[in-house]
C-alpha cells in the first residue's frame, strides 16, 4: 500500500506542479472542473449507496451542471455569480423534485444530498480558483497544498509513534489527539518557512492564526468525509488513485481548508 502511494505521488505531483507553474488560470480551472466531476461522482456513490439509480437522476445531474457553473464563476472571479448559481441550484433542485414526489417524500433526500454536494465540493474548489486568480496565486496554491500535506504527514507520524488518546473513535478509530497536535505543529512550521521564502510581506501575528485555522479546517474535512464513508459502509471513495483511494479521499481536507485560506487572505492578512 505504501509503495503504491509513493509511486502515485511521484507521478502525480510533478504533473500537478507543472500545471500550476506553467498552466494558465483557464487550464487550471479546467483541471479543477475535471477533479470536481470525478469527486462528485464518488460522492453520489457514497450517499446513494442504497439507491444507485439516483446517481444519474435529473437532480444529481443538475448538481453536476451547477458545480461546473460555480467553477466557471470562480474563473471570472465573481462572487455575485457564485451566489447566483447557488440560488439557481436550490431552485432547480426543488423544481426537479416535484414530479418525483408522487412516488414518496424520499425524493427530498435526493435534494438534500444534491445541495450538500454543491456546497461541499465545487463551492470549496471555487475558492482554490479564486486563490489562483490572485497576483501571487501560484505561491498561494502551493502554500495551501504544502501546509495541508504537512498537517497530514505530521498527524500520521505523530499518531503512529505517540498516539495514545483517540480523537474521534466513532468516526475514525485510527486518529489520535497526539496525531492531531503533531499535524498542527508541522503545519505551522512548514507554513512559516513557506511564507518567509515566497510570501514575505504579511502581518506576522495573523499568519499563525492562518496556519492554525487551515489545519483545523483540514482535520474537520478529513473527519467529515470519514463520516460519509462510514455511513455508506465503504473504505475508500474510489480507486482512481492507486494506494490513495479516490479523488474525494485526496481532497477531503483541501475542501475545508481552501475557503479558510481564501478568506484569511482576503480579509485578515495585509500587505500580500
Protein backbone atom coordinates (compact mmCIF):
# COMPACT_ATOMS: atom_id res chain seq x y z
CA UNK A 1 0.00 0.00 0.00
CA UNK A 2 2.77 2.46 0.91
CA UNK A 3 4.68 1.61 -2.29
CA UNK A 4 1.59 2.31 -4.38
CA UNK A 5 1.05 5.61 -2.55
CA UNK A 6 4.66 6.66 -3.18
CA UNK A 7 4.58 5.72 -6.88
CA UNK A 8 1.29 7.54 -7.43
CA UNK A 9 2.62 10.63 -5.65
CA UNK A 10 5.86 10.60 -7.67
CA UNK A 11 3.85 10.59 -10.87
CA UNK A 12 1.02 12.94 -9.89
CA UNK A 13 2.88 15.69 -8.00
CA UNK A 14 5.27 16.72 -10.82
CA UNK A 15 2.36 16.85 -13.28
CA UNK A 16 0.29 18.93 -10.87
CA UNK A 17 3.25 21.22 -10.19
CA UNK A 18 3.80 21.75 -13.91
CA UNK A 19 0.13 22.63 -14.37
CA UNK A 20 0.24 25.15 -11.52
CA UNK A 21 3.55 26.70 -12.60
CA UNK A 22 3.10 26.81 -16.36
CA UNK A 23 -0.63 26.49 -16.91
CA UNK A 24 -2.92 29.47 -17.33
CA UNK A 25 -5.78 30.18 -14.93
CA UNK A 26 -8.09 28.81 -17.63
CA UNK A 27 -6.25 25.48 -17.82
CA UNK A 28 -6.08 25.30 -14.04
CA UNK A 29 -9.85 25.94 -13.85
CA UNK A 30 -10.48 23.20 -16.43
CA UNK A 31 -8.41 20.81 -14.32
CA UNK A 32 -10.38 21.77 -11.20
CA UNK A 33 -13.58 21.15 -13.16
CA UNK A 34 -12.39 17.64 -14.03
CA UNK A 35 -11.48 17.00 -10.39
CA UNK A 36 -14.97 18.13 -9.41
CA UNK A 37 -16.71 15.77 -11.83
CA UNK A 38 -14.82 12.75 -10.52
CA UNK A 39 -15.25 13.81 -6.89
CA UNK A 40 -18.98 14.46 -7.18
CA UNK A 41 -19.48 11.08 -8.85
CA UNK A 42 -17.69 9.44 -5.91
CA UNK A 43 -19.79 11.48 -3.50
CA UNK A 44 -23.02 10.35 -5.17
CA UNK A 45 -21.86 6.74 -5.00
CA UNK A 46 -21.40 7.15 -1.25
CA UNK A 47 -24.63 8.95 -0.37
CA UNK A 48 -26.74 6.92 -2.79
CA UNK A 49 -25.18 3.58 -1.84
CA UNK A 50 -28.66 2.12 -1.36
CA UNK A 51 -30.23 3.89 -4.34
CA UNK A 52 -27.86 3.59 -7.28
CA UNK A 53 -30.39 4.87 -9.82
CA UNK A 54 -30.22 8.29 -8.13
CA UNK A 55 -26.57 8.76 -9.14
CA UNK A 56 -27.59 9.84 -12.65
CA UNK A 57 -31.03 11.21 -11.82
CA UNK A 58 -32.05 14.67 -13.12
CA UNK A 59 -31.42 16.13 -9.64
CA UNK A 60 -27.91 14.68 -9.45
CA UNK A 61 -27.05 15.76 -12.99
CA UNK A 62 -28.33 19.25 -12.15
CA UNK A 63 -25.85 19.30 -9.28
CA UNK A 64 -23.05 18.48 -11.72
CA UNK A 65 -24.12 21.28 -14.07
CA UNK A 66 -24.33 23.82 -11.25
CA UNK A 67 -20.97 22.69 -9.91
CA UNK A 68 -19.34 23.46 -13.27
CA UNK A 69 -21.13 26.83 -13.31
CA UNK A 70 -19.68 27.61 -9.86
CA UNK A 71 -16.19 26.80 -11.08
CA UNK A 72 -16.77 28.98 -14.15
CA UNK A 73 -17.94 31.84 -11.91
CA UNK A 74 -14.76 31.49 -9.86
CA UNK A 75 -12.69 31.66 -13.05
CA UNK A 76 -14.32 35.04 -13.73
CA UNK A 77 -13.58 35.98 -10.09
CA UNK A 78 -17.22 36.88 -9.46
CA UNK A 79 -18.80 36.35 -6.04
CA UNK A 80 -22.07 37.68 -7.43
CA UNK A 81 -22.17 34.88 -9.99
CA UNK A 82 -21.28 32.31 -7.33
CA UNK A 83 -24.19 33.43 -5.14
CA UNK A 84 -26.48 33.45 -8.15
CA UNK A 85 -25.52 29.88 -9.07
CA UNK A 86 -26.15 28.69 -5.50
CA UNK A 87 -29.64 30.19 -5.58
CA UNK A 88 -30.27 28.77 -9.05
CA UNK A 89 -29.12 25.34 -7.89
CA UNK A 90 -31.54 25.30 -4.97
CA UNK A 91 -34.46 26.45 -7.08
CA UNK A 92 -33.69 23.97 -9.85
CA UNK A 93 -33.35 21.03 -7.44
CA UNK A 94 -36.66 21.98 -5.82
CA UNK A 95 -38.42 22.09 -9.18
CA UNK A 96 -36.90 18.77 -10.32
CA UNK A 97 -38.08 17.07 -7.10
CA UNK A 98 -41.74 17.85 -7.71
CA UNK A 99 -42.53 15.28 -10.45
CA UNK A 100 -40.97 12.53 -8.31
CA UNK A 101 -42.82 13.44 -5.12
CA UNK A 102 -45.78 11.30 -6.20
CA UNK A 103 -43.59 8.25 -5.53
CA UNK A 104 -42.91 9.34 -1.96
CA UNK A 105 -41.29 12.12 0.08
CA UNK A 106 -37.89 10.34 -0.04
CA UNK A 107 -37.19 12.42 -3.15
CA UNK A 108 -36.41 15.26 -0.73
CA UNK A 109 -33.40 13.26 0.48
CA UNK A 110 -32.08 13.44 -3.09
CA UNK A 111 -32.48 17.22 -2.98
CA UNK A 112 -30.67 17.37 0.36
CA UNK A 113 -27.78 15.26 -0.94
CA UNK A 114 -27.53 17.32 -4.14
CA UNK A 115 -27.45 20.65 -2.30
CA UNK A 116 -24.86 19.28 0.12
CA UNK A 117 -22.78 18.09 -2.86
CA UNK A 118 -22.74 21.54 -4.47
CA UNK A 119 -21.80 23.32 -1.25
CA UNK A 120 -19.33 20.65 -0.20
CA UNK A 121 -17.32 20.14 -3.39
CA UNK A 122 -17.49 22.78 -6.17
CA UNK A 123 -18.04 25.77 -3.89
CA UNK A 124 -14.88 24.86 -1.98
CA UNK A 125 -12.97 24.12 -5.19
CA UNK A 126 -14.07 27.53 -6.47
CA UNK A 127 -12.13 29.10 -3.58
CA UNK A 128 -8.97 27.43 -4.89
CA UNK A 129 -9.52 29.06 -8.28
CA UNK A 130 -10.13 32.39 -6.54
CA UNK A 131 -6.77 31.95 -4.82
CA UNK A 132 -5.15 31.20 -8.18
CA UNK A 133 -6.61 34.44 -9.59
CA UNK A 134 -4.52 36.44 -7.10
CA UNK A 135 -1.34 38.12 -8.45
CA UNK A 136 0.58 35.75 -6.17
CA UNK A 137 -1.81 32.91 -6.98
CA UNK A 138 0.81 30.28 -7.84
CA UNK A 139 2.53 30.77 -4.48
CA UNK A 140 -0.81 30.64 -2.65
CA UNK A 141 -1.80 27.36 -4.30
CA UNK A 142 1.50 25.74 -3.36
CA UNK A 143 1.25 27.20 0.13
CA UNK A 144 -2.17 25.61 0.59
CA UNK A 145 -1.04 22.24 -0.78
CA UNK A 146 2.14 22.22 1.31
CA UNK A 147 0.53 23.01 4.66
CA UNK A 148 -2.39 20.63 4.14
CA UNK A 149 0.06 17.87 3.18
CA UNK A 150 2.34 18.76 6.11
CA UNK A 151 -0.58 18.52 8.50
CA UNK A 152 -1.49 15.11 7.09
CA UNK A 153 2.07 13.78 7.34
CA UNK A 154 2.62 15.23 10.81
CA UNK A 155 -0.62 13.71 12.09
CA UNK A 156 0.24 10.30 10.63
CA UNK A 157 3.71 10.02 12.16
CA UNK A 158 2.89 11.71 15.46
CA UNK A 159 -0.09 9.40 15.82
CA UNK A 160 1.99 6.36 14.87
CA UNK A 161 4.75 6.99 17.41
CA UNK A 162 3.00 8.91 20.18
CA UNK A 163 -0.72 8.30 19.72
CA UNK A 164 -2.49 7.19 22.88
CA UNK A 165 -5.79 9.06 23.08
CA UNK A 166 -8.44 8.67 20.40
CA UNK A 167 -9.58 11.86 18.69
CA UNK A 168 -12.97 10.65 17.45
CA UNK A 169 -13.21 6.85 17.68
CA UNK A 170 -16.80 6.65 16.43
CA UNK A 171 -15.80 8.36 13.16
CA UNK A 172 -12.16 7.42 12.59
CA UNK A 173 -10.73 4.96 15.14
CA UNK A 174 -7.15 5.43 13.94
CA UNK A 175 -6.89 9.16 14.58
CA UNK A 176 -5.46 10.37 17.87
CA UNK A 177 -5.22 13.65 19.75
CA UNK A 178 -1.43 13.35 19.69
CA UNK A 179 -1.55 12.93 15.93
CA UNK A 180 -3.78 15.98 15.62
CA UNK A 181 -1.33 18.09 17.64
CA UNK A 182 1.63 16.75 15.64
CA UNK A 183 -0.11 17.67 12.41
CA UNK A 184 -0.78 21.18 13.70
CA UNK A 185 2.86 21.71 14.71
CA UNK A 186 4.28 20.54 11.38
CA UNK A 187 1.69 22.61 9.52
CA UNK A 188 2.79 25.74 11.40
CA UNK A 189 6.48 25.01 10.81
CA UNK A 190 6.10 24.35 7.08
CA UNK A 191 3.70 27.26 6.68
CA UNK A 192 6.06 29.71 8.36
CA UNK A 193 9.05 28.62 6.27
CA UNK A 194 7.00 28.83 3.08
CA UNK A 195 5.70 32.31 3.96
CA UNK A 196 9.18 33.56 4.75
CA UNK A 197 10.50 32.32 1.41
CA UNK A 198 7.68 33.02 -1.03
CA UNK A 199 5.14 35.37 0.59
CA UNK A 200 7.30 37.52 2.85
CA UNK A 201 5.10 40.63 3.03
CA UNK A 202 2.43 39.85 5.55
CA UNK A 203 1.07 40.53 9.00
CA UNK A 204 3.20 38.11 11.06
CA UNK A 205 0.88 37.57 14.07
CA UNK A 206 -2.04 36.81 11.76
CA UNK A 207 -0.28 34.15 9.71
CA UNK A 208 -0.10 31.86 12.74
CA UNK A 209 -3.86 32.10 13.03
CA UNK A 210 -4.00 31.27 9.32
CA UNK A 211 -1.87 28.15 9.82
CA UNK A 212 -3.96 27.02 12.77
CA UNK A 213 -7.25 27.78 11.01
CA UNK A 214 -6.27 25.92 7.86
CA UNK A 215 -5.05 22.90 9.82
CA UNK A 216 -8.18 22.71 11.98
CA UNK A 217 -10.37 23.03 8.89
CA UNK A 218 -8.36 20.34 7.10
CA UNK A 219 -8.77 17.92 10.02
CA UNK A 220 -12.51 18.62 10.12
CA UNK A 221 -12.70 17.96 6.38
CA UNK A 222 -10.94 14.65 6.80
CA UNK A 223 -13.33 13.62 9.58
CA UNK A 224 -16.38 14.74 7.62
CA UNK A 225 -15.51 12.55 4.67
CA UNK A 226 -14.88 9.69 7.10
CA UNK A 227 -18.43 10.19 8.37
CA UNK A 228 -19.77 9.97 4.83
CA UNK A 229 -17.83 6.79 4.11
CA UNK A 230 -18.82 5.21 7.41
CA UNK A 231 -22.48 5.98 6.69
CA UNK A 232 -22.06 4.47 3.20
CA UNK A 233 -20.16 1.49 4.64
CA UNK A 234 -17.14 1.89 2.35
CA UNK A 235 -13.40 2.22 2.98
CA UNK A 236 -12.38 4.48 0.09
CA UNK A 237 -14.38 6.86 -2.09
CA UNK A 238 -12.91 5.30 -5.23
CA UNK A 239 -9.94 3.50 -6.82
CA UNK A 240 -8.72 6.05 -9.36
CA UNK A 241 -5.50 6.76 -7.41
CA UNK A 242 -3.65 3.52 -6.55
CA UNK A 243 -2.72 3.45 -2.87
CA UNK A 244 -4.67 6.66 -2.18
CA UNK A 245 -8.25 5.66 -2.96
CA UNK A 246 -10.47 8.11 -4.78
CA UNK A 247 -10.21 11.78 -5.66
CA UNK A 248 -12.50 12.68 -2.77
CA UNK A 249 -10.15 10.85 -0.40
CA UNK A 250 -7.31 13.10 -1.58
CA UNK A 251 -9.13 16.43 -1.49
CA UNK A 252 -11.31 15.95 1.60
CA UNK A 253 -9.04 18.10 3.80
CA UNK A 254 -8.48 20.61 1.00
CA UNK A 255 -12.21 21.18 0.58
CA UNK A 256 -12.45 22.59 4.10
CA UNK A 257 -9.02 24.24 4.16
CA UNK A 258 -9.32 26.22 0.90
CA UNK A 259 -12.18 28.54 1.98
CA UNK A 260 -10.37 29.31 5.24
CA UNK A 261 -7.17 30.18 3.38
CA UNK A 262 -9.03 32.34 0.87
CA UNK A 263 -10.99 34.37 3.40
CA UNK A 264 -7.96 34.83 5.62
CA UNK A 265 -6.01 36.14 2.64
CA UNK A 266 -8.81 38.47 1.57
CA UNK A 267 -9.92 39.88 4.90
CA UNK A 268 -7.30 39.34 7.61
CA UNK A 269 -3.85 39.42 6.06
CA UNK A 270 -2.35 42.69 4.95
CA UNK A 271 0.46 43.61 2.64
CA UNK A 272 0.15 40.50 0.42
